[in-house]
Amino acid sequence: MPAVNVKNVTLGKGIPKICVPLTGKTIAGIKDELLQMNTAVFDLIEWRADKFEALHDPESLSAAAAAIHEAFPDKPLIFTIRTKNDMEDFEISDSDYQKINYYVSERRLADLIDLEFSRGSGFVCDFINSARPHGTGFICSRHLKDSTPSVEDMLQMLSEMAGTGADLVKLAVMPQSAGDVLALMEATRQFSDNCPDLPVITMSMGRLGILSRISGKLTGSCLTFGTAVAASAPGQPDCRQLKQILDFLTPDNIC
């Protein structure tokens, strides 16, 4: 399996790593969440900046990022603006989306930046090419909040995202049946086998898809999401329970 090293975390080696969301609306709210995360078990933090009220203010962005890094200096930080293009109701123009993400990359406010593939492969490719010299890593992601495509269509989506030059690709889908969950897991397994040089993150959302969040060791998904304070997507389990399950499912613990 391929590996991407971010700070002291290696994505794509060992059991899937756990990422917890940070969703505070203000700097004070973020600091409060960080305090509550002191007893949590996780490997990375995803800052869901679409929840942050001062998203368009560079000084506030820098101050919030500094607070996160100060609280957890060894934890890699993913910067994400999730919009109506994928999962959320949040709206932002392409130009503002580009400007804010570029500022985060240029100032190294985060270790990884999540870029929505729904903005277009050309948009993502151009952004990565322009921001790559800053040393930030990139996740190209696609979220389907109402459906699960066929295995073939999901493989095509992952392949197209791989063509952007991102360091990792991510696909999240919403299942309507148990078969949808298994389809997502099969697409993940096939992509991992066919593209061994690119780490992949996948999940089937909602309670129905919980199996996909713990099966990464089997399917090849290198990262899973759990909650420390508040969930950022349907079906995220508590990070402590998630860690216990992932540890139990490692080969050394299976007879």
Protein backbone atom coordinates (compact mmCIF):
# COMPACT_ATOMS: atom_id res chain seq x y z
CA MET A 1 0.00 0.00 0.00
CA PRO A 2 1.33 3.50 -0.78
CA ALA A 3 2.11 5.88 2.03
CA VAL A 4 1.96 9.65 2.57
CA ASN A 5 3.87 11.03 5.53
CA VAL A 6 2.36 14.04 7.30
CA LYS A 7 4.17 15.15 10.43
CA ASN A 8 4.45 11.97 12.52
CA VAL A 9 1.55 10.20 10.78
CA THR A 10 1.88 7.82 7.84
CA LEU A 11 -1.28 7.47 5.79
CA GLY A 12 -1.38 4.18 3.94
CA LYS A 13 0.64 2.11 6.41
CA GLY A 14 -0.72 0.06 9.27
CA ILE A 15 -4.32 0.33 10.40
CA PRO A 16 -6.45 3.22 9.09
CA LYS A 17 -5.77 6.47 10.89
CA ILE A 18 -8.54 8.34 12.70
CA CYS A 19 -9.43 11.93 11.87
CA VAL A 20 -11.74 14.05 14.03
CA PRO A 21 -13.60 17.17 12.84
CA LEU A 22 -13.31 20.64 14.32
CA THR A 23 -16.48 22.65 13.66
CA GLY A 24 -16.37 25.75 15.87
CA LYS A 25 -17.98 28.88 14.46
CA THR A 26 -15.61 31.28 16.22
CA ILE A 27 -12.06 31.24 17.56
CA ALA A 28 -13.48 30.95 21.06
CA GLY A 29 -15.64 28.04 19.94
CA ILE A 30 -12.67 26.31 18.32
CA LYS A 31 -10.59 26.73 21.50
CA ASP A 32 -13.42 25.24 23.55
CA GLU A 33 -13.59 22.23 21.20
CA LEU A 34 -9.83 21.79 21.42
CA LEU A 35 -10.05 21.62 25.21
CA GLN A 36 -12.74 18.94 24.96
CA MET A 37 -10.52 16.96 22.59
CA ASN A 38 -7.79 16.50 25.22
CA THR A 39 -9.15 13.06 26.18
CA ALA A 40 -9.98 11.99 22.62
CA VAL A 41 -8.11 9.35 20.63
CA PHE A 42 -7.18 10.41 17.11
CA ASP A 43 -4.38 10.87 14.60
CA LEU A 44 -5.43 13.90 12.52
CA ILE A 45 -7.75 16.91 12.78
CA GLU A 46 -10.00 18.16 10.00
CA TRP A 47 -10.83 21.84 10.39
CA ARG A 48 -14.22 22.27 8.75
CA ALA A 49 -13.69 25.91 7.89
CA ASP A 50 -17.07 26.22 6.17
CA LYS A 51 -18.47 26.35 9.72
CA PHE A 52 -16.14 29.22 10.67
CA GLU A 53 -17.92 32.58 10.60
CA ALA A 54 -14.74 34.58 9.88
CA LEU A 55 -13.69 32.39 6.93
CA HIS A 56 -13.13 35.41 4.69
CA ASP A 57 -10.88 37.22 7.19
CA PRO A 58 -7.19 36.22 6.78
CA GLU A 59 -6.18 37.37 10.26
CA SER A 60 -8.92 35.28 11.87
CA LEU A 61 -7.96 32.27 9.77
CA SER A 62 -4.35 32.60 10.88
CA ALA A 63 -5.33 33.04 14.54
CA ALA A 64 -7.62 30.01 14.50
CA ALA A 65 -4.99 27.86 12.79
CA ALA A 66 -2.39 28.96 15.33
CA ALA A 67 -4.71 27.92 18.17
CA ILE A 68 -5.16 24.47 16.63
CA HIS A 69 -1.45 23.92 16.09
CA GLU A 70 -0.65 25.16 19.60
CA ALA A 71 -3.15 22.75 21.16
CA PHE A 72 -2.04 19.73 19.11
CA PRO A 73 1.35 20.50 17.53
CA ASP A 74 2.01 16.87 16.53
CA LYS A 75 -1.35 16.24 14.86
CA PRO A 76 -1.61 16.87 11.11
CA LEU A 77 -4.31 19.39 10.18
CA ILE A 78 -6.61 19.08 7.18
CA PHE A 79 -8.23 22.33 6.01
CA THR A 80 -11.64 21.81 4.41
CA ILE A 81 -14.27 24.13 2.98
CA ARG A 82 -17.21 21.80 2.34
CA THR A 83 -19.87 23.43 0.15
CA LYS A 84 -23.21 22.85 -1.54
CA ASN A 85 -21.27 21.33 -4.45
CA ASP A 86 -20.86 18.25 -2.26
CA MET A 87 -22.44 17.93 1.18
CA GLU A 88 -23.30 21.22 2.84
CA ASP A 89 -25.56 24.23 2.22
CA PHE A 90 -22.56 26.57 2.38
CA GLU A 91 -22.04 28.62 -0.78
CA ILE A 92 -18.81 30.22 -1.96
CA SER A 93 -17.63 31.40 -5.35
CA ASP A 94 -14.80 29.65 -7.19
CA SER A 95 -12.67 32.78 -6.84
CA ASP A 96 -13.13 33.03 -3.06
CA TYR A 97 -12.70 29.27 -2.66
CA GLN A 98 -9.43 29.50 -4.58
CA LYS A 99 -8.24 32.60 -2.73
CA ILE A 100 -8.86 31.24 0.76
CA ASN A 101 -7.34 27.84 0.06
CA TYR A 102 -4.32 29.46 -1.56
CA TYR A 103 -3.83 31.68 1.48
CA VAL A 104 -3.92 28.61 3.74
CA SER A 105 -1.37 26.85 1.53
CA GLU A 106 0.91 29.87 1.15
CA ARG A 107 0.98 30.53 4.90
CA ARG A 108 1.19 26.81 5.73
CA LEU A 109 -1.79 27.09 8.04
CA ALA A 110 -2.59 23.41 7.42
CA ASP A 111 -0.73 20.27 6.42
CA LEU A 112 -3.32 19.03 3.93
CA ILE A 113 -6.01 20.88 1.97
CA ASP A 114 -9.18 19.13 0.85
CA LEU A 115 -10.23 20.23 -2.64
CA GLU A 116 -13.69 19.44 -4.01
CA PHE A 117 -13.49 17.62 -7.33
CA SER A 118 -16.99 18.88 -8.12
CA ARG A 119 -15.42 22.27 -8.90
CA GLY A 120 -13.87 20.65 -11.95
CA SER A 121 -10.74 18.67 -12.67
CA GLY A 122 -9.15 21.69 -14.35
CA PHE A 123 -9.78 23.86 -11.29
CA VAL A 124 -8.23 21.26 -8.97
CA CYS A 125 -5.25 20.59 -11.26
CA ASP A 126 -4.50 24.29 -11.67
CA PHE A 127 -4.74 24.91 -7.94
CA ILE A 128 -2.45 22.03 -7.02
CA ASN A 129 0.11 23.07 -9.62
CA SER A 130 0.13 26.66 -8.37
CA ALA A 131 0.19 25.84 -4.65
CA ARG A 132 2.46 22.78 -4.69
CA PRO A 133 5.67 24.82 -4.12
CA HIS A 134 4.38 25.85 -0.68
CA GLY A 135 4.79 22.27 0.56
CA THR A 136 1.15 21.61 1.45
CA GLY A 137 -0.36 18.23 0.65
CA PHE A 138 -3.69 17.86 -1.16
CA ILE A 139 -6.75 15.62 -0.94
CA CYS A 140 -9.09 15.57 -3.93
CA SER A 141 -12.56 14.62 -2.69
CA ARG A 142 -16.06 13.87 -3.94
CA HIS A 143 -19.14 13.53 -1.74
CA LEU A 144 -22.49 12.18 -2.92
CA LYS A 145 -25.03 12.88 -0.18
CA ASP A 146 -28.00 11.08 -1.74
CA SER A 147 -26.73 8.04 -3.63
CA THR A 148 -24.15 5.34 -4.27
CA PRO A 149 -23.08 4.85 -7.90
CA SER A 150 -22.14 1.50 -9.38
CA VAL A 151 -18.73 0.00 -8.67
CA GLU A 152 -17.66 0.91 -12.21
CA ASP A 153 -18.78 4.53 -11.82
CA MET A 154 -17.04 4.90 -8.46
CA LEU A 155 -13.84 3.51 -9.93
CA GLN A 156 -14.13 6.06 -12.73
CA MET A 157 -14.58 8.90 -10.22
CA LEU A 158 -11.56 7.80 -8.23
CA SER A 159 -9.47 7.48 -11.39
CA GLU A 160 -10.46 10.96 -12.54
CA MET A 161 -9.56 12.41 -9.14
CA ALA A 162 -6.23 10.58 -9.30
CA GLY A 163 -5.49 12.48 -12.50
CA THR A 164 -5.46 15.82 -10.67
CA GLY A 165 -2.10 15.17 -9.04
CA ALA A 166 -3.52 15.11 -5.51
CA ASP A 167 -1.63 13.22 -2.80
CA LEU A 168 -4.77 11.38 -1.70
CA VAL A 169 -8.23 10.83 -3.18
CA LYS A 170 -11.43 10.62 -1.17
CA LEU A 171 -14.91 9.37 -2.04
CA ALA A 172 -17.90 9.47 0.32
CA VAL A 173 -21.31 8.14 -0.74
CA MET A 174 -24.73 7.65 0.82
CA PRO A 175 -26.08 4.08 0.83
CA GLN A 176 -29.69 3.13 0.20
CA SER A 177 -29.11 -0.57 0.87
CA ALA A 178 -26.57 -3.01 2.27
CA GLY A 179 -25.55 -3.71 -1.32
CA ASP A 180 -24.51 -0.07 -1.69
CA VAL A 181 -22.15 -0.38 1.27
CA LEU A 182 -20.58 -3.50 -0.19
CA ALA A 183 -20.29 -1.79 -3.58
CA LEU A 184 -18.32 1.09 -2.05
CA MET A 185 -16.04 -1.36 -0.26
CA GLU A 186 -15.47 -3.34 -3.46
CA ALA A 187 -14.68 -0.19 -5.45
CA THR A 188 -12.17 0.78 -2.76
CA ARG A 189 -10.51 -2.62 -2.85
CA GLN A 190 -10.23 -2.61 -6.64
CA PHE A 191 -8.87 0.94 -6.75
CA SER A 192 -6.28 0.14 -4.07
CA ASP A 193 -5.18 -2.91 -6.03
CA ASN A 194 -5.10 -1.12 -9.39
CA CYS A 195 -3.51 2.14 -8.18
CA PRO A 196 -0.98 1.07 -5.55
CA ASP A 197 0.87 4.39 -5.65
CA LEU A 198 -2.03 6.57 -4.47
CA PRO A 199 -3.62 6.37 -1.00
CA VAL A 200 -7.42 6.35 -1.02
CA ILE A 201 -10.01 7.37 1.57
CA THR A 202 -13.59 6.11 1.21
CA MET A 203 -16.69 5.80 3.32
CA SER A 204 -20.34 4.89 3.04
CA MET A 205 -22.14 7.42 5.21
CA GLY A 206 -25.01 7.11 7.67
CA ARG A 207 -25.63 4.31 10.17
CA LEU A 208 -26.01 1.81 7.35
CA GLY A 209 -22.47 2.49 6.17
CA ILE A 210 -20.67 2.05 9.49
CA LEU A 211 -18.97 -1.14 8.28
CA SER A 212 -17.10 0.85 5.63
CA ARG A 213 -15.62 3.09 8.33
CA ILE A 214 -13.91 0.18 10.10
CA SER A 215 -12.92 -1.99 7.12
CA GLY A 216 -10.06 0.08 5.74
CA LYS A 217 -7.44 -2.51 6.59
CA LEU A 218 -9.32 -4.95 4.36
CA THR A 219 -10.34 -2.62 1.52
CA GLY A 220 -7.35 -0.26 1.44
CA SER A 221 -8.96 2.94 2.77
CA CYS A 222 -6.23 4.67 4.78
CA LEU A 223 -8.27 7.14 6.86
CA THR A 224 -11.54 7.07 8.74
CA PHE A 225 -13.49 9.77 10.57
CA GLY A 226 -14.76 9.70 14.13
CA THR A 227 -16.19 12.26 16.52
CA ALA A 228 -14.43 13.84 19.47
CA VAL A 229 -16.98 16.63 20.08
CA ALA A 230 -19.39 17.04 17.15
CA ALA A 231 -19.91 15.03 13.96
CA SER A 232 -19.31 16.64 10.58
CA ALA A 233 -21.06 13.94 8.50
CA PRO A 234 -23.75 11.27 9.04
CA GLY A 235 -22.58 8.05 10.65
CA GLN A 236 -19.37 9.16 12.31
CA PRO A 237 -18.80 7.01 15.44
CA ASP A 238 -17.12 8.15 18.63
CA CYS A 239 -13.36 8.20 18.02
CA ARG A 240 -12.63 6.19 21.17
CA GLN A 241 -14.94 3.35 20.17
CA LEU A 242 -13.58 3.55 16.64
CA LYS A 243 -10.00 3.10 17.88
CA GLN A 244 -10.98 0.06 19.95
CA ILE A 245 -12.67 -1.57 16.97
CA LEU A 246 -9.78 -0.83 14.58
CA ASP A 247 -7.26 -2.25 17.05
CA PHE A 248 -9.36 -5.38 17.48
CA LEU A 249 -9.61 -5.89 13.73
CA THR A 250 -5.84 -5.81 13.13
CA PRO A 251 -4.48 -9.18 11.97
CA ASP A 252 -2.59 -9.82 15.24
CA ASN A 253 -5.88 -9.80 17.10
CA ILE A 254 -7.77 -12.14 14.77
CA CYS A 255 -7.59 -15.90 15.35
